Amino acid sequence: MLAVVMGTGMSHMCNLKMGLGLVDLRRRIRMQAKYTKGYKYQVKKEYHFQFRLGDFGVDPLSLSWGYGEWGVGDLRFLGYAPLLGVLTVKPGYAWDGPSGPTKDDKANMRASLEHDVLYQLMRLNILPQYFRKKADEQFDKTAKEDGMWWWRRKYYLFSLRKFAGFAADPKNKKKVYVVGRK
């Protein structure tokens, strides 16, 4: 026999009357919420880009693509097809857009997405740190495809090489904030 008794407001308990006794649903359902700050954009449609890891001396099949927790989410928002050399960014992936004194526009948004994915994979120790230069060059390549002027691309590339190393460092994972009770 299953009966649900609901009260009004949070102070009332929701109970299931089962053959074995009462179960406090509020305790079972309540969970901690975990989140990070600093993201401005979220992918709404699956996005693919070419980045052949094998071309850089990394065996893509040897990489750890497990579902280990890296913060709020996990790698369920990213995928890699090793034979095609294609990274996939799935809906729900969040990134902060272009960094620095710049405006977010059509010439740098796609490049910033790809760059943030690659830096995140370095922070997670999935890609080695020497990929940083390749990730910066990927930004430049994509920005060029999207019509960014030469001088602006060189400014970005210089800034990334000189100042962005911390963002790929595994010690700089985003802080996870926790609210609610266990």
C-alpha atoms as a PDB file:
ATOM      1  CA  MET A   1       0.000   0.000   0.000  1.00  0.00           C
ATOM      2  CA  LEU A   2       1.368   3.418  -0.981  1.00  0.00           C
ATOM      3  CA  ALA A   3      -0.134   6.665   0.292  1.00  0.00           C
ATOM      4  CA  VAL A   4       1.305  10.157  -0.078  1.00  0.00           C
ATOM      5  CA  VAL A   5       0.467  12.741   2.584  1.00  0.00           C
ATOM      6  CA  MET A   6       1.521  16.306   1.717  1.00  0.00           C
ATOM      7  CA  GLY A   7       1.524  19.342   3.969  1.00  0.00           C
ATOM      8  CA  THR A   8       1.559  23.004   3.027  1.00  0.00           C
ATOM      9  CA  GLY A   9       4.847  24.881   3.328  1.00  0.00           C
ATOM     10  CA  MET A  10       8.381  23.691   3.968  1.00  0.00           C
ATOM     11  CA  SER A  11       7.830  23.025   7.676  1.00  0.00           C
ATOM     12  CA  HIS A  12       5.513  20.090   6.977  1.00  0.00           C
ATOM     13  CA  MET A  13       6.931  16.699   6.237  1.00  0.00           C
ATOM     14  CA  CYS A  14       6.113  14.745   3.127  1.00  0.00           C
ATOM     15  CA  ASN A  15       5.810  11.127   4.090  1.00  0.00           C
ATOM     16  CA  LEU A  16       5.347   7.889   2.253  1.00  0.00           C
ATOM     17  CA  LYS A  17       3.462   5.327   4.253  1.00  0.00           C
ATOM     18  CA  MET A  18       4.938   2.010   3.306  1.00  0.00           C
ATOM     19  CA  GLY A  19       4.702  -1.426   4.781  1.00  0.00           C
ATOM     20  CA  LEU A  20       8.049  -0.878   6.560  1.00  0.00           C
ATOM     21  CA  GLY A  21       7.241   2.485   8.144  1.00  0.00           C
ATOM     22  CA  LEU A  22       7.494   6.189   7.334  1.00  0.00           C
ATOM     23  CA  VAL A  23      10.217   7.648   5.153  1.00  0.00           C
ATOM     24  CA  ASP A  24      10.998  11.355   5.398  1.00  0.00           C
ATOM     25  CA  LEU A  25      10.997  12.397   1.737  1.00  0.00           C
ATOM     26  CA  ARG A  26      12.270  15.852   2.542  1.00  0.00           C
ATOM     27  CA  ARG A  27      15.505  14.358   3.856  1.00  0.00           C
ATOM     28  CA  ARG A  28      15.829  12.046   0.881  1.00  0.00           C
ATOM     29  CA  ILE A  29      15.087  14.710  -1.738  1.00  0.00           C
ATOM     30  CA  ARG A  30      17.051  17.602  -0.231  1.00  0.00           C
ATOM     31  CA  MET A  31      20.510  17.826  -1.662  1.00  0.00           C
ATOM     32  CA  GLN A  32      23.304  20.281  -1.729  1.00  0.00           C
ATOM     33  CA  ALA A  33      23.457  22.601  -4.688  1.00  0.00           C
ATOM     34  CA  LYS A  34      26.927  23.089  -6.145  1.00  0.00           C
ATOM     35  CA  TYR A  35      27.838  25.871  -8.538  1.00  0.00           C
ATOM     36  CA  THR A  36      30.689  28.006  -9.770  1.00  0.00           C
ATOM     37  CA  LYS A  37      30.822  31.664 -10.712  1.00  0.00           C
ATOM     38  CA  GLY A  38      32.246  33.417 -13.714  1.00  0.00           C
ATOM     39  CA  TYR A  39      30.524  31.877 -16.706  1.00  0.00           C
ATOM     40  CA  LYS A  40      28.735  34.170 -19.150  1.00  0.00           C
ATOM     41  CA  TYR A  41      27.750  31.817 -21.965  1.00  0.00           C
ATOM     42  CA  GLN A  42      26.291  28.361 -22.390  1.00  0.00           C
ATOM     43  CA  VAL A  43      26.327  26.129 -25.469  1.00  0.00           C
ATOM     44  CA  LYS A  44      22.802  25.469 -26.744  1.00  0.00           C
ATOM     45  CA  LYS A  45      23.585  23.277 -29.762  1.00  0.00           C
ATOM     46  CA  GLU A  46      26.310  20.659 -30.126  1.00  0.00           C
ATOM     47  CA  TYR A  47      29.500  22.185 -31.527  1.00  0.00           C
ATOM     48  CA  HIS A  48      32.398  20.312 -33.155  1.00  0.00           C
ATOM     49  CA  PHE A  49      35.914  21.438 -33.971  1.00  0.00           C
ATOM     50  CA  GLN A  50      38.980  19.803 -35.439  1.00  0.00           C
ATOM     51  CA  PHE A  51      41.915  19.312 -33.082  1.00  0.00           C
ATOM     52  CA  ARG A  52      43.963  16.244 -33.891  1.00  0.00           C
ATOM     53  CA  LEU A  53      45.724  15.283 -30.695  1.00  0.00           C
ATOM     54  CA  GLY A  54      47.754  12.662 -32.531  1.00  0.00           C
ATOM     55  CA  ASP A  55      49.383  15.404 -34.625  1.00  0.00           C
ATOM     56  CA  PHE A  56      50.999  16.682 -31.425  1.00  0.00           C
ATOM     57  CA  GLY A  57      52.451  13.395 -30.212  1.00  0.00           C
ATOM     58  CA  VAL A  58      49.597  12.431 -27.874  1.00  0.00           C
ATOM     59  CA  ASP A  59      47.865   9.080 -28.226  1.00  0.00           C
ATOM     60  CA  PRO A  60      44.195  10.113 -27.888  1.00  0.00           C
ATOM     61  CA  LEU A  61      43.202   6.603 -26.860  1.00  0.00           C
ATOM     62  CA  SER A  62      45.502   6.822 -23.837  1.00  0.00           C
ATOM     63  CA  LEU A  63      43.790   9.908 -22.423  1.00  0.00           C
ATOM     64  CA  SER A  64      41.526   9.625 -19.400  1.00  0.00           C
ATOM     65  CA  TRP A  65      38.046  10.780 -20.459  1.00  0.00           C
ATOM     66  CA  GLY A  66      36.310   9.413 -17.368  1.00  0.00           C
ATOM     67  CA  TYR A  67      33.490  11.103 -15.537  1.00  0.00           C
ATOM     68  CA  GLY A  68      35.591  12.407 -12.642  1.00  0.00           C
ATOM     69  CA  GLU A  69      34.205  15.471 -10.928  1.00  0.00           C
ATOM     70  CA  TRP A  70      36.034  18.698 -11.803  1.00  0.00           C
ATOM     71  CA  GLY A  71      33.673  21.135 -10.209  1.00  0.00           C
ATOM     72  CA  VAL A  72      29.981  21.536 -10.760  1.00  0.00           C
ATOM     73  CA  GLY A  73      29.787  19.253 -13.744  1.00  0.00           C
ATOM     74  CA  ASP A  74      31.970  16.677 -15.343  1.00  0.00           C
ATOM     75  CA  LEU A  75      33.146  15.700 -18.790  1.00  0.00           C
ATOM     76  CA  ARG A  76      29.658  14.819 -19.982  1.00  0.00           C
ATOM     77  CA  PHE A  77      29.703  18.151 -21.848  1.00  0.00           C
ATOM     78  CA  LEU A  78      32.792  17.203 -23.879  1.00  0.00           C
ATOM     79  CA  GLY A  79      33.656  14.342 -26.186  1.00  0.00           C
ATOM     80  CA  TYR A  80      36.418  13.342 -28.553  1.00  0.00           C
ATOM     81  CA  ALA A  81      36.364  11.206 -31.695  1.00  0.00           C
ATOM     82  CA  PRO A  82      40.005  10.043 -31.917  1.00  0.00           C
ATOM     83  CA  LEU A  83      39.866   8.675 -35.458  1.00  0.00           C
ATOM     84  CA  LEU A  84      38.429  11.928 -36.790  1.00  0.00           C
ATOM     85  CA  GLY A  85      40.339  14.249 -34.461  1.00  0.00           C
ATOM     86  CA  VAL A  86      37.143  16.074 -33.541  1.00  0.00           C
ATOM     87  CA  LEU A  87      36.333  17.561 -30.135  1.00  0.00           C
ATOM     88  CA  THR A  88      32.626  17.862 -29.375  1.00  0.00           C
ATOM     89  CA  VAL A  89      31.164  20.475 -27.038  1.00  0.00           C
ATOM     90  CA  LYS A  90      27.690  19.448 -25.939  1.00  0.00           C
ATOM     91  CA  PRO A  91      24.719  21.599 -24.932  1.00  0.00           C
ATOM     92  CA  GLY A  92      25.055  22.848 -21.374  1.00  0.00           C
ATOM     93  CA  TYR A  93      28.793  23.511 -21.520  1.00  0.00           C
ATOM     94  CA  ALA A  94      29.501  26.926 -19.956  1.00  0.00           C
ATOM     95  CA  TRP A  95      32.437  29.234 -20.634  1.00  0.00           C
ATOM     96  CA  ASP A  96      33.368  32.801 -19.821  1.00  0.00           C
ATOM     97  CA  GLY A  97      33.914  34.156 -23.321  1.00  0.00           C
ATOM     98  CA  PRO A  98      36.990  36.148 -24.353  1.00  0.00           C
ATOM     99  CA  SER A  99      39.141  37.390 -21.488  1.00  0.00           C
ATOM    100  CA  GLY A 100      40.957  40.649 -21.069  1.00  0.00           C
ATOM    101  CA  PRO A 101      40.119  44.188 -22.077  1.00  0.00           C
ATOM    102  CA  THR A 102      38.009  43.247 -25.078  1.00  0.00           C
ATOM    103  CA  LYS A 103      34.452  43.098 -26.295  1.00  0.00           C
ATOM    104  CA  ASP A 104      32.734  39.810 -27.027  1.00  0.00           C
ATOM    105  CA  ASP A 105      31.853  39.706 -30.725  1.00  0.00           C
ATOM    106  CA  LYS A 106      31.460  37.337 -33.671  1.00  0.00           C
ATOM    107  CA  ALA A 107      35.184  37.400 -34.399  1.00  0.00           C
ATOM    108  CA  ASN A 108      36.222  36.009 -31.008  1.00  0.00           C
ATOM    109  CA  MET A 109      33.332  33.987 -29.522  1.00  0.00           C
ATOM    110  CA  ARG A 110      33.924  30.683 -31.320  1.00  0.00           C
ATOM    111  CA  ALA A 111      37.681  31.014 -30.785  1.00  0.00           C
ATOM    112  CA  SER A 112      37.169  31.646 -27.058  1.00  0.00           C
ATOM    113  CA  LEU A 113      34.929  28.577 -26.750  1.00  0.00           C
ATOM    114  CA  GLU A 114      37.507  26.288 -28.366  1.00  0.00           C
ATOM    115  CA  HIS A 115      40.320  27.866 -26.346  1.00  0.00           C
ATOM    116  CA  ASP A 116      38.446  27.502 -23.046  1.00  0.00           C
ATOM    117  CA  VAL A 117      37.714  23.824 -23.772  1.00  0.00           C
ATOM    118  CA  LEU A 118      41.402  23.115 -24.430  1.00  0.00           C
ATOM    119  CA  TYR A 119      42.560  25.031 -21.347  1.00  0.00           C
ATOM    120  CA  GLN A 120      39.983  23.209 -19.228  1.00  0.00           C
ATOM    121  CA  LEU A 121      41.312  19.867 -20.463  1.00  0.00           C
ATOM    122  CA  MET A 122      44.798  20.974 -19.382  1.00  0.00           C
ATOM    123  CA  ARG A 123      43.507  22.070 -15.958  1.00  0.00           C
ATOM    124  CA  LEU A 124      41.995  18.593 -15.584  1.00  0.00           C
ATOM    125  CA  ASN A 125      45.308  16.959 -16.535  1.00  0.00           C
ATOM    126  CA  ILE A 126      43.674  15.322 -19.549  1.00  0.00           C
ATOM    127  CA  LEU A 127      45.929  17.222 -21.936  1.00  0.00           C
ATOM    128  CA  PRO A 128      49.574  17.904 -21.077  1.00  0.00           C
ATOM    129  CA  GLN A 129      50.639  21.475 -20.288  1.00  0.00           C
ATOM    130  CA  TYR A 130      52.745  21.740 -23.436  1.00  0.00           C
ATOM    131  CA  PHE A 131      49.436  21.893 -25.354  1.00  0.00           C
ATOM    132  CA  ARG A 132      49.012  25.473 -24.173  1.00  0.00           C
ATOM    133  CA  LYS A 133      50.834  26.867 -27.195  1.00  0.00           C
ATOM    134  CA  LYS A 134      48.703  24.721 -29.516  1.00  0.00           C
ATOM    135  CA  ALA A 135      45.541  25.915 -27.763  1.00  0.00           C
ATOM    136  CA  ASP A 136      46.636  29.542 -28.225  1.00  0.00           C
ATOM    137  CA  GLU A 137      47.359  28.876 -31.906  1.00  0.00           C
ATOM    138  CA  GLN A 138      43.914  27.270 -32.234  1.00  0.00           C
ATOM    139  CA  PHE A 139      42.399  30.531 -30.939  1.00  0.00           C
ATOM    140  CA  ASP A 140      44.347  32.478 -33.585  1.00  0.00           C
ATOM    141  CA  LYS A 141      43.328  30.080 -36.376  1.00  0.00           C
ATOM    142  CA  THR A 142      39.626  30.184 -35.502  1.00  0.00           C
ATOM    143  CA  ALA A 143      39.622  33.963 -34.993  1.00  0.00           C
ATOM    144  CA  LYS A 144      41.155  34.341 -38.465  1.00  0.00           C
ATOM    145  CA  GLU A 145      38.432  32.098 -39.948  1.00  0.00           C
ATOM    146  CA  ASP A 146      35.833  34.311 -38.267  1.00  0.00           C
ATOM    147  CA  GLY A 147      37.250  37.513 -39.745  1.00  0.00           C
ATOM    148  CA  MET A 148      39.294  38.986 -36.916  1.00  0.00           C
ATOM    149  CA  TRP A 149      41.815  41.578 -38.104  1.00  0.00           C
ATOM    150  CA  TRP A 150      45.473  40.571 -38.158  1.00  0.00           C
ATOM    151  CA  TRP A 151      46.642  43.132 -35.568  1.00  0.00           C
ATOM    152  CA  ARG A 152      43.858  42.156 -33.133  1.00  0.00           C
ATOM    153  CA  ARG A 153      44.676  38.450 -33.498  1.00  0.00           C
ATOM    154  CA  LYS A 154      48.366  39.149 -32.781  1.00  0.00           C
ATOM    155  CA  TYR A 155      47.392  41.186 -29.705  1.00  0.00           C
ATOM    156  CA  TYR A 156      45.309  38.236 -28.453  1.00  0.00           C
ATOM    157  CA  LEU A 157      48.058  35.724 -29.204  1.00  0.00           C
ATOM    158  CA  PHE A 158      50.673  37.837 -27.432  1.00  0.00           C
ATOM    159  CA  SER A 159      48.376  38.283 -24.403  1.00  0.00           C
ATOM    160  CA  LEU A 160      47.525  34.592 -24.228  1.00  0.00           C
ATOM    161  CA  ARG A 161      51.177  33.550 -24.405  1.00  0.00           C
ATOM    162  CA  LYS A 162      52.310  36.136 -21.863  1.00  0.00           C
ATOM    163  CA  PHE A 163      49.470  36.235 -19.317  1.00  0.00           C
ATOM    164  CA  ALA A 164      47.120  33.216 -19.609  1.00  0.00           C
ATOM    165  CA  GLY A 165      49.301  30.380 -18.335  1.00  0.00           C
ATOM    166  CA  PHE A 166      47.574  30.357 -14.939  1.00  0.00           C
ATOM    167  CA  ALA A 167      44.253  29.448 -16.603  1.00  0.00           C
ATOM    168  CA  ALA A 168      45.629  26.110 -17.836  1.00  0.00           C
ATOM    169  CA  ASP A 169      47.276  25.230 -14.524  1.00  0.00           C
ATOM    170  CA  PRO A 170      45.575  22.379 -12.601  1.00  0.00           C
ATOM    171  CA  LYS A 171      45.988  24.404  -9.372  1.00  0.00           C
ATOM    172  CA  ASN A 172      43.509  26.974 -10.720  1.00  0.00           C
ATOM    173  CA  LYS A 173      40.278  25.022 -10.918  1.00  0.00           C
ATOM    174  CA  LYS A 174      37.175  27.120 -10.382  1.00  0.00           C
ATOM    175  CA  LYS A 175      36.016  27.309  -6.787  1.00  0.00           C
ATOM    176  CA  VAL A 176      32.908  25.247  -6.089  1.00  0.00           C
ATOM    177  CA  TYR A 177      30.326  26.866  -3.837  1.00  0.00           C
ATOM    178  CA  VAL A 178      27.991  24.625  -1.833  1.00  0.00           C
ATOM    179  CA  VAL A 179      24.596  25.624  -0.477  1.00  0.00           C
ATOM    180  CA  GLY A 180      22.091  23.535   1.428  1.00  0.00           C
ATOM    181  CA  ARG A 181      22.505  20.705   3.873  1.00  0.00           C
ATOM    182  CA  LYS A 182      23.855  17.239   3.344  1.00  0.00           C
END
